[in-house]
């Protein structure tokens, strides 16, 4: 891609090689191309920024979801431990009742 500093040299060379009307047309085409390039550059910058923001938002959302899942896992672990304690107590009570029934 030509830089804007190269454009005047290019136009000057056209001046020597082309009639005035063709030169004006070429200058118009060049301006149009440069304008489209600037618009494209702007859109790409906006796309880049939006992509970065989306990636940051996605990371934040994933971190938030991870924290929720970790809290749920801790709660499930506690519930499991509690149920296991209750199971042991029930088994103990059943064994006690069976032992009491045998002696009676």
PDB file of N, CA and C in Angstrom:
ATOM      1  N   UNK A   1       0.842  -1.161   0.000  1.00  0.00           N
ATOM      2  CA  UNK A   1       0.000   0.000   0.000  1.00  0.00           C
ATOM      3  C   UNK A   1       0.895   1.234   0.000  1.00  0.00           C
ATOM      4  N   UNK A   2       0.566   2.240  -0.818  1.00  0.00           N
ATOM      5  CA  UNK A   2       1.337   3.469  -0.892  1.00  0.00           C
ATOM      6  C   UNK A   2       1.016   4.341   0.291  1.00  0.00           C
ATOM      7  N   UNK A   3       2.019   5.008   0.775  1.00  0.00           N
ATOM      8  CA  UNK A   3       1.751   5.951   1.858  1.00  0.00           C
ATOM      9  C   UNK A   3       1.279   7.261   1.247  1.00  0.00           C
ATOM     10  N   UNK A   4       0.697   8.106   2.054  1.00  0.00           N
ATOM     11  CA  UNK A   4       0.174   9.362   1.536  1.00  0.00           C
ATOM     12  C   UNK A   4       1.303  10.259   1.022  1.00  0.00           C
ATOM     13  N   UNK A   5       2.536  10.099   1.521  1.00  0.00           N
ATOM     14  CA  UNK A   5       3.654  10.909   1.039  1.00  0.00           C
ATOM     15  C   UNK A   5       4.079  10.485  -0.369  1.00  0.00           C
ATOM     16  N   UNK A   6       3.792   9.243  -0.757  1.00  0.00           N
ATOM     17  CA  UNK A   6       4.118   8.768  -2.102  1.00  0.00           C
ATOM     18  C   UNK A   6       3.092   9.222  -3.127  1.00  0.00           C
ATOM     19  N   UNK A   7       1.907   9.560  -2.699  1.00  0.00           N
ATOM     20  CA  UNK A   7       0.829   9.938  -3.615  1.00  0.00           C
ATOM     21  C   UNK A   7       1.194  11.142  -4.484  1.00  0.00           C
ATOM     22  N   UNK A   8       1.780  12.225  -3.952  1.00  0.00           N
ATOM     23  CA  UNK A   8       2.089  13.364  -4.816  1.00  0.00           C
ATOM     24  C   UNK A   8       3.085  13.021  -5.923  1.00  0.00           C
ATOM     25  N   UNK A   9       4.085  12.185  -5.645  1.00  0.00           N
ATOM     26  CA  UNK A   9       5.032  11.774  -6.701  1.00  0.00           C
ATOM     27  C   UNK A   9       4.310  10.998  -7.791  1.00  0.00           C
ATOM     28  N   UNK A  10       3.401  10.132  -7.388  1.00  0.00           N
ATOM     29  CA  UNK A  10       2.640   9.344  -8.359  1.00  0.00           C
ATOM     30  C   UNK A  10       1.797  10.271  -9.231  1.00  0.00           C
ATOM     31  N   UNK A  11       1.144  11.246  -8.589  1.00  0.00           N
ATOM     32  CA  UNK A  11       0.327  12.191  -9.347  1.00  0.00           C
ATOM     33  C   UNK A  11       1.194  13.042 -10.278  1.00  0.00           C
ATOM     34  N   UNK A  12       2.363  13.420  -9.829  1.00  0.00           N
ATOM     35  CA  UNK A  12       3.261  14.224 -10.667  1.00  0.00           C
ATOM     36  C   UNK A  12       3.693  13.435 -11.899  1.00  0.00           C
ATOM     37  N   UNK A  13       3.937  12.132 -11.743  1.00  0.00           N
ATOM     38  CA  UNK A  13       4.329  11.330 -12.904  1.00  0.00           C
ATOM     39  C   UNK A  13       3.166  11.192 -13.878  1.00  0.00           C
ATOM     40  N   UNK A  14       1.940  11.134 -13.377  1.00  0.00           N
ATOM     41  CA  UNK A  14       0.773  11.075 -14.261  1.00  0.00           C
ATOM     42  C   UNK A  14       0.635  12.370 -15.041  1.00  0.00           C
ATOM     43  N   UNK A  15       0.977  13.470 -14.407  1.00  0.00           N
ATOM     44  CA  UNK A  15       0.890  14.780 -15.041  1.00  0.00           C
ATOM     45  C   UNK A  15       1.730  14.813 -16.316  1.00  0.00           C
ATOM     46  N   UNK A  16       2.884  14.202 -16.290  1.00  0.00           N
ATOM     47  CA  UNK A  16       3.763  14.190 -17.462  1.00  0.00           C
ATOM     48  C   UNK A  16       3.279  13.208 -18.524  1.00  0.00           C
ATOM     49  N   UNK A  17       2.580  12.125 -18.107  1.00  0.00           N
ATOM     50  CA  UNK A  17       2.221  11.069 -19.042  1.00  0.00           C
ATOM     51  C   UNK A  17       0.804  11.169 -19.595  1.00  0.00           C
ATOM     52  N   UNK A  18      -0.089  11.916 -18.944  1.00  0.00           N
ATOM     53  CA  UNK A  18      -1.499  11.877 -19.302  1.00  0.00           C
ATOM     54  C   UNK A  18      -2.041  13.248 -19.659  1.00  0.00           C
ATOM     55  N   UNK A  19      -3.084  13.270 -20.490  1.00  0.00           N
ATOM     56  CA  UNK A  19      -3.772  14.548 -20.748  1.00  0.00           C
ATOM     57  C   UNK A  19      -4.478  15.001 -19.463  1.00  0.00           C
ATOM     58  N   UNK A  20      -4.821  16.273 -19.385  1.00  0.00           N
ATOM     59  CA  UNK A  20      -5.413  16.842 -18.173  1.00  0.00           C
ATOM     60  C   UNK A  20      -6.689  16.134 -17.741  1.00  0.00           C
ATOM     61  N   UNK A  21      -7.592  15.816 -18.661  1.00  0.00           N
ATOM     62  CA  UNK A  21      -8.857  15.176 -18.268  1.00  0.00           C
ATOM     63  C   UNK A  21      -8.623  13.784 -17.684  1.00  0.00           C
ATOM     64  N   UNK A  22      -7.705  13.042 -18.278  1.00  0.00           N
ATOM     65  CA  UNK A  22      -7.396  11.718 -17.745  1.00  0.00           C
ATOM     66  C   UNK A  22      -6.727  11.834 -16.382  1.00  0.00           C
ATOM     67  N   UNK A  23      -5.876  12.838 -16.234  1.00  0.00           N
ATOM     68  CA  UNK A  23      -5.220  13.072 -14.960  1.00  0.00           C
ATOM     69  C   UNK A  23      -6.248  13.394 -13.883  1.00  0.00           C
ATOM     70  N   UNK A  24      -7.187  14.246 -14.188  1.00  0.00           N
ATOM     71  CA  UNK A  24      -8.221  14.580 -13.209  1.00  0.00           C
ATOM     72  C   UNK A  24      -9.029  13.341 -12.828  1.00  0.00           C
ATOM     73  N   UNK A  25      -9.328  12.527 -13.829  1.00  0.00           N
ATOM     74  CA  UNK A  25     -10.053  11.285 -13.544  1.00  0.00           C
ATOM     75  C   UNK A  25      -9.228  10.385 -12.627  1.00  0.00           C
ATOM     76  N   UNK A  26      -7.939  10.261 -12.915  1.00  0.00           N
ATOM     77  CA  UNK A  26      -7.067   9.415 -12.099  1.00  0.00           C
ATOM     78  C   UNK A  26      -6.956   9.967 -10.669  1.00  0.00           C
ATOM     79  N   UNK A  27      -6.868  11.298 -10.558  1.00  0.00           N
ATOM     80  CA  UNK A  27      -6.812  11.907  -9.224  1.00  0.00           C
ATOM     81  C   UNK A  27      -8.106  11.625  -8.458  1.00  0.00           C
ATOM     82  N   UNK A  28      -9.222  11.707  -9.161  1.00  0.00           N
ATOM     83  CA  UNK A  28     -10.522  11.432  -8.542  1.00  0.00           C
ATOM     84  C   UNK A  28     -10.595   9.974  -8.084  1.00  0.00           C
ATOM     85  N   UNK A  29     -10.122   9.074  -8.929  1.00  0.00           N
ATOM     86  CA  UNK A  29     -10.109   7.657  -8.577  1.00  0.00           C
ATOM     87  C   UNK A  29      -9.203   7.433  -7.368  1.00  0.00           C
ATOM     88  N   UNK A  30      -8.046   8.067  -7.380  1.00  0.00           N
ATOM     89  CA  UNK A  30      -7.114   7.922  -6.266  1.00  0.00           C
ATOM     90  C   UNK A  30      -7.743   8.430  -4.972  1.00  0.00           C
ATOM     91  N   UNK A  31      -8.378   9.602  -5.019  1.00  0.00           N
ATOM     92  CA  UNK A  31      -9.030  10.141  -3.824  1.00  0.00           C
ATOM     93  C   UNK A  31     -10.107   9.196  -3.324  1.00  0.00           C
ATOM     94  N   UNK A  32     -10.860   8.620  -4.250  1.00  0.00           N
ATOM     95  CA  UNK A  32     -11.905   7.676  -3.881  1.00  0.00           C
ATOM     96  C   UNK A  32     -11.296   6.439  -3.213  1.00  0.00           C
ATOM     97  N   UNK A  33     -10.230   5.931  -3.782  1.00  0.00           N
ATOM     98  CA  UNK A  33      -9.555   4.756  -3.209  1.00  0.00           C
ATOM     99  C   UNK A  33      -9.022   5.086  -1.819  1.00  0.00           C
ATOM    100  N   UNK A  34      -8.369   6.247  -1.673  1.00  0.00           N
ATOM    101  CA  UNK A  34      -7.840   6.647  -0.370  1.00  0.00           C
ATOM    102  C   UNK A  34      -8.964   6.803   0.647  1.00  0.00           C
ATOM    103  N   UNK A  35     -10.082   7.351   0.197  1.00  0.00           N
ATOM    104  CA  UNK A  35     -11.229   7.514   1.092  1.00  0.00           C
ATOM    105  C   UNK A  35     -11.750   6.153   1.540  1.00  0.00           C
ATOM    106  N   UNK A  36     -11.861   5.216   0.602  1.00  0.00           N
ATOM    107  CA  UNK A  36     -12.319   3.863   0.951  1.00  0.00           C
ATOM    108  C   UNK A  36     -11.323   3.171   1.877  1.00  0.00           C
ATOM    109  N   UNK A  37     -10.040   3.400   1.642  1.00  0.00           N
ATOM    110  CA  UNK A  37      -9.025   2.814   2.525  1.00  0.00           C
ATOM    111  C   UNK A  37      -9.149   3.369   3.941  1.00  0.00           C
ATOM    112  N   UNK A  38      -9.373   4.661   4.066  1.00  0.00           N
ATOM    113  CA  UNK A  38      -9.550   5.265   5.389  1.00  0.00           C
ATOM    114  C   UNK A  38     -10.797   4.711   6.072  1.00  0.00           C
ATOM    115  N   UNK A  39     -11.893   4.590   5.305  1.00  0.00           N
ATOM    116  CA  UNK A  39     -13.120   4.026   5.877  1.00  0.00           C
ATOM    117  C   UNK A  39     -12.886   2.592   6.340  1.00  0.00           C
ATOM    118  N   UNK A  40     -12.181   1.818   5.522  1.00  0.00           N
ATOM    119  CA  UNK A  40     -11.879   0.434   5.867  1.00  0.00           C
ATOM    120  C   UNK A  40     -11.012   0.374   7.119  1.00  0.00           C
ATOM    121  N   UNK A  41     -10.028   1.260   7.190  1.00  0.00           N
ATOM    122  CA  UNK A  41      -9.145   1.320   8.354  1.00  0.00           C
ATOM    123  C   UNK A  41      -9.962   1.642   9.610  1.00  0.00           C
ATOM    124  N   UNK A  42     -10.896   2.571   9.493  1.00  0.00           N
ATOM    125  CA  UNK A  42     -11.745   2.941  10.624  1.00  0.00           C
ATOM    126  C   UNK A  42     -12.619   1.770  11.055  1.00  0.00           C
ATOM    127  N   UNK A  43     -13.236   1.095  10.092  1.00  0.00           N
ATOM    128  CA  UNK A  43     -14.095  -0.050  10.405  1.00  0.00           C
ATOM    129  C   UNK A  43     -13.274  -1.164  11.050  1.00  0.00           C
ATOM    130  N   UNK A  44     -12.089  -1.417  10.534  1.00  0.00           N
ATOM    131  CA  UNK A  44     -11.225  -2.448  11.123  1.00  0.00           C
ATOM    132  C   UNK A  44     -10.835  -2.088  12.555  1.00  0.00           C
ATOM    133  N   UNK A  45     -10.564  -0.819  12.807  1.00  0.00           N
ATOM    134  CA  UNK A  45     -10.223  -0.396  14.167  1.00  0.00           C
ATOM    135  C   UNK A  45     -11.422  -0.593  15.092  1.00  0.00           C
ATOM    136  N   UNK A  46     -12.620  -0.256  14.595  1.00  0.00           N
ATOM    137  CA  UNK A  46     -13.833  -0.458  15.395  1.00  0.00           C
ATOM    138  C   UNK A  46     -14.063  -1.949  15.652  1.00  0.00           C
ATOM    139  N   UNK A  47     -13.851  -2.764  14.632  1.00  0.00           N
ATOM    140  CA  UNK A  47     -14.002  -4.210  14.778  1.00  0.00           C
ATOM    141  C   UNK A  47     -13.006  -4.745  15.806  1.00  0.00           C
ATOM    142  N   UNK A  48     -11.756  -4.259  15.710  1.00  0.00           N
ATOM    143  CA  UNK A  48     -10.715  -4.659  16.665  1.00  0.00           C
ATOM    144  C   UNK A  48     -11.127  -4.328  18.088  1.00  0.00           C
ATOM    145  N   UNK A  49     -11.599  -3.108  18.293  1.00  0.00           N
ATOM    146  CA  UNK A  49     -12.007  -2.665  19.630  1.00  0.00           C
ATOM    147  C   UNK A  49     -13.188  -3.492  20.129  1.00  0.00           C
ATOM    148  N   UNK A  50     -14.170  -3.715  19.258  1.00  0.00           N
ATOM    149  CA  UNK A  50     -15.333  -4.514  19.650  1.00  0.00           C
ATOM    150  C   UNK A  50     -14.917  -5.943  19.981  1.00  0.00           C
ATOM    151  N   UNK A  51     -13.990  -6.497  19.213  1.00  0.00           N
ATOM    152  CA  UNK A  51     -13.500  -7.855  19.480  1.00  0.00           C
ATOM    153  C   UNK A  51     -12.802  -7.925  20.823  1.00  0.00           C
ATOM    154  N   UNK A  52     -11.972  -6.915  21.107  1.00  0.00           N
ATOM    155  CA  UNK A  52     -11.283  -6.867  22.401  1.00  0.00           C
ATOM    156  C   UNK A  52     -12.282  -6.774  23.553  1.00  0.00           C
ATOM    157  N   UNK A  53     -13.267  -5.893  23.396  1.00  0.00           N
ATOM    158  CA  UNK A  53     -14.276  -5.730  24.446  1.00  0.00           C
ATOM    159  C   UNK A  53     -15.053  -7.026  24.654  1.00  0.00           C
ATOM    160  N   UNK A  54     -15.411  -7.669  23.544  1.00  0.00           N
ATOM    161  CA  UNK A  54     -16.146  -8.933  23.640  1.00  0.00           C
ATOM    162  C   UNK A  54     -15.305  -9.994  24.336  1.00  0.00           C
ATOM    163  N   UNK A  55     -14.038 -10.059  23.992  1.00  0.00           N
ATOM    164  CA  UNK A  55     -13.147 -11.035  24.629  1.00  0.00           C
ATOM    165  C   UNK A  55     -13.023 -10.750  26.125  1.00  0.00           C
ATOM    166  N   UNK A  56     -12.869  -9.468  26.475  1.00  0.00           N
ATOM    167  CA  UNK A  56     -12.781  -9.112  27.895  1.00  0.00           C
ATOM    168  C   UNK A  56     -14.077  -9.458  28.621  1.00  0.00           C
ATOM    169  N   UNK A  57     -15.216  -9.115  27.988  1.00  0.00           N
ATOM    170  CA  UNK A  57     -16.512  -9.427  28.600  1.00  0.00           C
ATOM    171  C   UNK A  57     -16.689 -10.932  28.757  1.00  0.00           C
ATOM    172  N   UNK A  58     -16.279 -11.680  27.734  1.00  0.00           N
ATOM    173  CA  UNK A  58     -16.404 -13.134  27.788  1.00  0.00           C
ATOM    174  C   UNK A  58     -15.542 -13.701  28.910  1.00  0.00           C
ATOM    175  N   UNK A  59     -14.322 -13.179  29.051  1.00  0.00           N
ATOM    176  CA  UNK A  59     -13.443 -13.648  30.131  1.00  0.00           C
ATOM    177  C   UNK A  59     -14.056 -13.340  31.487  1.00  0.00           C
ATOM    178  N   UNK A  60     -14.580 -12.130  31.641  1.00  0.00           N
ATOM    179  CA  UNK A  60     -15.204 -11.765  32.914  1.00  0.00           C
ATOM    180  C   UNK A  60     -16.402 -12.661  33.202  1.00  0.00           C
ATOM    181  N   UNK A  61     -17.206 -12.936  32.172  1.00  0.00           N
ATOM    182  CA  UNK A  61     -18.384 -13.802  32.344  1.00  0.00           C
ATOM    183  C   UNK A  61     -17.942 -15.215  32.728  1.00  0.00           C
ATOM    184  N   UNK A  62     -16.903 -15.726  32.072  1.00  0.00           N
ATOM    185  CA  UNK A  62     -16.406 -17.065  32.403  1.00  0.00           C
ATOM    186  C   UNK A  62     -15.871 -17.128  33.834  1.00  0.00           C
ATOM    187  N   UNK A  63     -15.147 -16.089  34.245  1.00  0.00           N
ATOM    188  CA  UNK A  63     -14.641 -16.058  35.621  1.00  0.00           C
ATOM    189  C   UNK A  63     -15.790 -16.032  36.621  1.00  0.00           C
ATOM    190  N   UNK A  64     -16.805 -15.259  36.293  1.00  0.00           N
ATOM    191  CA  UNK A  64     -17.976 -15.182  37.168  1.00  0.00           C
ATOM    192  C   UNK A  64     -18.669 -16.547  37.255  1.00  0.00           C
ATOM    193  N   UNK A  65     -18.848 -17.190  36.105  1.00  0.00           N
ATOM    194  CA  UNK A  65     -19.480 -18.514  36.080  1.00  0.00           C
ATOM    195  C   UNK A  65     -18.625 -19.531  36.836  1.00  0.00           C
ATOM    196  N   UNK A  66     -17.307 -19.429  36.702  1.00  0.00           N
ATOM    197  CA  UNK A  66     -16.418 -20.345  37.408  1.00  0.00           C
ATOM    198  C   UNK A  66     -16.589 -20.187  38.921  1.00  0.00           C
ATOM    199  N   UNK A  67     -16.693 -18.946  39.381  1.00  0.00           N
ATOM    200  CA  UNK A  67     -16.875 -18.713  40.815  1.00  0.00           C
ATOM    201  C   UNK A  67     -18.194 -19.304  41.294  1.00  0.00           C
ATOM    202  N   UNK A  68     -19.243 -19.140  40.492  1.00  0.00           N
ATOM    203  CA  UNK A  68     -20.549 -19.710  40.858  1.00  0.00           C
ATOM    204  C   UNK A  68     -20.455 -21.230  40.916  1.00  0.00           C
ATOM    205  N   UNK A  69     -19.810 -21.823  39.915  1.00  0.00           N
ATOM    206  CA  UNK A  69     -19.671 -23.281  39.898  1.00  0.00           C
ATOM    207  C   UNK A  69     -18.843 -23.791  41.080  1.00  0.00           C
ATOM    208  N   UNK A  70     -17.798 -23.056  41.440  1.00  0.00           N
ATOM    209  CA  UNK A  70     -16.994 -23.461  42.593  1.00  0.00           C
ATOM    210  C   UNK A  70     -17.815 -23.395  43.883  1.00  0.00           C
ATOM    211  N   UNK A  71     -18.642 -22.357  44.004  1.00  0.00           N
ATOM    212  CA  UNK A  71     -19.496 -22.239  45.193  1.00  0.00           C
ATOM    213  C   UNK A  71     -20.513 -23.382  45.220  1.00  0.00           C
ATOM    214  N   UNK A  72     -21.083 -23.722  44.059  1.00  0.00           N
ATOM    215  CA  UNK A  72     -22.030 -24.837  43.991  1.00  0.00           C
ATOM    216  C   UNK A  72     -21.351 -26.157  44.349  1.00  0.00           C
ATOM    217  N   UNK A  73     -20.118 -26.337  43.868  1.00  0.00           N
ATOM    218  CA  UNK A  73     -19.393 -27.567  44.197  1.00  0.00           C
ATOM    219  C   UNK A  73     -19.146 -27.659  45.700  1.00  0.00           C
ATOM    220  N   UNK A  74     -18.732 -26.548  46.311  1.00  0.00           N
ATOM    221  CA  UNK A  74     -18.522 -26.549  47.767  1.00  0.00           C
ATOM    222  C   UNK A  74     -19.826 -26.910  48.489  1.00  0.00           C
ATOM    223  N   UNK A  75     -20.942 -26.350  48.025  1.00  0.00           N
ATOM    224  CA  UNK A  75     -22.233 -26.638  48.641  1.00  0.00           C
ATOM    225  C   UNK A  75     -22.594 -28.115  48.467  1.00  0.00           C
ATOM    226  N   UNK A  76     -22.345 -28.661  47.282  1.00  0.00           N
ATOM    227  CA  UNK A  76     -22.612 -30.083  47.053  1.00  0.00           C
ATOM    228  C   UNK A  76     -21.730 -30.967  47.935  1.00  0.00           C
ATOM    229  N   UNK A  77     -20.453 -30.580  48.071  1.00  0.00           N
ATOM    230  CA  UNK A  77     -19.551 -31.346  48.943  1.00  0.00           C
ATOM    231  C   UNK A  77     -20.064 -31.351  50.382  1.00  0.00           C
ATOM    232  N   UNK A  78     -20.488 -30.190  50.860  1.00  0.00           N
ATOM    233  CA  UNK A  78     -21.017 -30.104  52.227  1.00  0.00           C
ATOM    234  C   UNK A  78     -22.293 -30.937  52.378  1.00  0.00           C
ATOM    235  N   UNK A  79     -23.152 -30.862  51.370  1.00  0.00           N
ATOM    236  CA  UNK A  79     -24.393 -31.647  51.408  1.00  0.00           C
ATOM    237  C   UNK A  79     -24.084 -33.135  51.414  1.00  0.00           C
ATOM    238  N   UNK A  80     -23.132 -33.563  50.601  1.00  0.00           N
ATOM    239  CA  UNK A  80     -22.736 -34.965  50.549  1.00  0.00           C
ATOM    240  C   UNK A  80     -22.204 -35.426  51.913  1.00  0.00           C
ATOM    241  N   UNK A  81     -21.325 -34.612  52.492  1.00  0.00           N
ATOM    242  CA  UNK A  81     -20.779 -34.965  53.805  1.00  0.00           C
ATOM    243  C   UNK A  81     -21.893 -35.069  54.849  1.00  0.00           C
ATOM    244  N   UNK A  82     -22.826 -34.149  54.806  1.00  0.00           N
ATOM    245  CA  UNK A  82     -23.947 -34.160  55.743  1.00  0.00           C
ATOM    246  C   UNK A  82     -24.803 -35.419  55.550  1.00  0.00           C
ATOM    247  N   UNK A  83     -25.073 -35.772  54.310  1.00  0.00           N
ATOM    248  CA  UNK A  83     -25.862 -36.976  54.033  1.00  0.00           C
ATOM    249  C   UNK A  83     -25.126 -38.234  54.488  1.00  0.00           C
ATOM    250  N   UNK A  84     -23.821 -38.267  54.315  1.00  0.00           N
ATOM    251  CA  UNK A  84     -23.050 -39.428  54.765  1.00  0.00           C
ATOM    252  C   UNK A  84     -23.111 -39.546  56.287  1.00  0.00           C
ATOM    253  N   UNK A  85     -23.026 -38.417  57.000  1.00  0.00           N
ATOM    254  CA  UNK A  85     -23.147 -38.450  58.462  1.00  0.00           C
ATOM    255  C   UNK A  85     -24.535 -38.974  58.865  1.00  0.00           C
ATOM    256  N   UNK A  86     -25.576 -38.486  58.184  1.00  0.00           N
ATOM    257  CA  UNK A  86     -26.933 -38.939  58.487  1.00  0.00           C
ATOM    258  C   UNK A  86     -27.073 -40.430  58.203  1.00  0.00           C
ATOM    259  N   UNK A  87     -26.472 -40.900  57.140  1.00  0.00           N
ATOM    260  CA  UNK A  87     -26.538 -42.324  56.788  1.00  0.00           C
ATOM    261  C   UNK A  87     -25.901 -43.173  57.892  1.00  0.00           C
ATOM    262  N   UNK A  88     -24.712 -42.724  58.347  1.00  0.00           N
ATOM    263  CA  UNK A  88     -24.039 -43.465  59.431  1.00  0.00           C
ATOM    264  C   UNK A  88     -24.900 -43.497  60.694  1.00  0.00           C
ATOM    265  N   UNK A  89     -25.538 -42.355  61.002  1.00  0.00           N
ATOM    266  CA  UNK A  89     -26.405 -42.309  62.187  1.00  0.00           C
ATOM    267  C   UNK A  89     -27.589 -43.247  62.038  1.00  0.00           C
ATOM    268  N   UNK A  90     -28.199 -43.248  60.853  1.00  0.00           N
ATOM    269  CA  UNK A  90     -29.352 -44.130  60.615  1.00  0.00           C
ATOM    270  C   UNK A  90     -28.920 -45.583  60.716  1.00  0.00           C
ATOM    271  N   UNK A  91     -27.761 -45.924  60.113  1.00  0.00           N
ATOM    272  CA  UNK A  91     -27.258 -47.299  60.208  1.00  0.00           C
ATOM    273  C   UNK A  91     -27.035 -47.682  61.672  1.00  0.00           C
ATOM    274  N   UNK A  92     -26.486 -46.756  62.442  1.00  0.00           N
ATOM    275  CA  UNK A  92     -26.241 -47.001  63.864  1.00  0.00           C
ATOM    276  C   UNK A  92     -27.563 -47.202  64.608  1.00  0.00           C
ATOM    277  N   UNK A  93     -28.560 -46.341  64.303  1.00  0.00           N
ATOM    278  CA  UNK A  93     -29.865 -46.478  64.950  1.00  0.00           C
ATOM    279  C   UNK A  93     -30.526 -47.814  64.597  1.00  0.00           C
ATOM    280  N   UNK A  94     -30.439 -48.210  63.322  1.00  0.00           N
ATOM    281  CA  UNK A  94     -31.020 -49.493  62.901  1.00  0.00           C
ATOM    282  C   UNK A  94     -30.318 -50.634  63.631  1.00  0.00           C
ATOM    283  N   UNK A  95     -29.007 -50.580  63.699  1.00  0.00           N
ATOM    284  CA  UNK A  95     -28.253 -51.629  64.397  1.00  0.00           C
ATOM    285  C   UNK A  95     -28.642 -51.661  65.871  1.00  0.00           C
ATOM    286  N   UNK A  96     -28.828 -50.488  66.478  1.00  0.00           N
ATOM    287  CA  UNK A  96     -29.231 -50.423  67.889  1.00  0.00           C
ATOM    288  C   UNK A  96     -30.635 -51.013  68.084  1.00  0.00           C
ATOM    289  N   UNK A  97     -31.551 -50.676  67.196  1.00  0.00           N
ATOM    290  CA  UNK A  97     -32.910 -51.204  67.284  1.00  0.00           C
ATOM    291  C   UNK A  97     -32.930 -52.703  67.099  1.00  0.00           C
ATOM    292  N   UNK A  98     -32.130 -53.204  66.147  1.00  0.00           N
ATOM    293  CA  UNK A  98     -32.079 -54.652  65.910  1.00  0.00           C
ATOM    294  C   UNK A  98     -31.494 -55.367  67.140  1.00  0.00           C
ATOM    295  N   UNK A  99     -30.440 -54.763  67.719  1.00  0.00           N
ATOM    296  CA  UNK A  99     -29.827 -55.355  68.913  1.00  0.00           C
ATOM    297  C   UNK A  99     -30.815 -55.335  70.078  1.00  0.00           C
ATOM    298  N   UNK A 100     -31.587 -54.258  70.212  1.00  0.00           N
ATOM    299  CA  UNK A 100     -32.576 -54.123  71.283  1.00  0.00           C
ATOM    300  C   UNK A 100     -33.711 -55.134  71.077  1.00  0.00           C
ATOM    301  N   UNK A 101     -34.108 -55.337  69.792  1.00  0.00           N
ATOM    302  CA  UNK A 101     -35.193 -56.275  69.507  1.00  0.00           C
ATOM    303  C   UNK A 101     -34.746 -57.709  69.798  1.00  0.00           C
ATOM    304  N   UNK A 102     -33.501 -58.045  69.555  1.00  0.00           N
ATOM    305  CA  UNK A 102     -32.994 -59.392  69.817  1.00  0.00           C
ATOM    306  C   UNK A 102     -32.925 -59.689  71.298  1.00  0.00           C
ATOM    307  N   UNK A 103     -32.615 -58.694  72.093  1.00  0.00           N
ATOM    308  CA  UNK A 103     -32.505 -58.900  73.533  1.00  0.00           C
ATOM    309  C   UNK A 103     -33.874 -58.899  74.224  1.00  0.00           C
ATOM    310  N   UNK A 104     -34.866 -58.362  73.529  1.00  0.00           N
ATOM    311  CA  UNK A 104     -36.180 -58.280  74.163  1.00  0.00           C
ATOM    312  C   UNK A 104     -37.008 -59.508  73.970  1.00  0.00           C
TER     313      UNK A 104
END
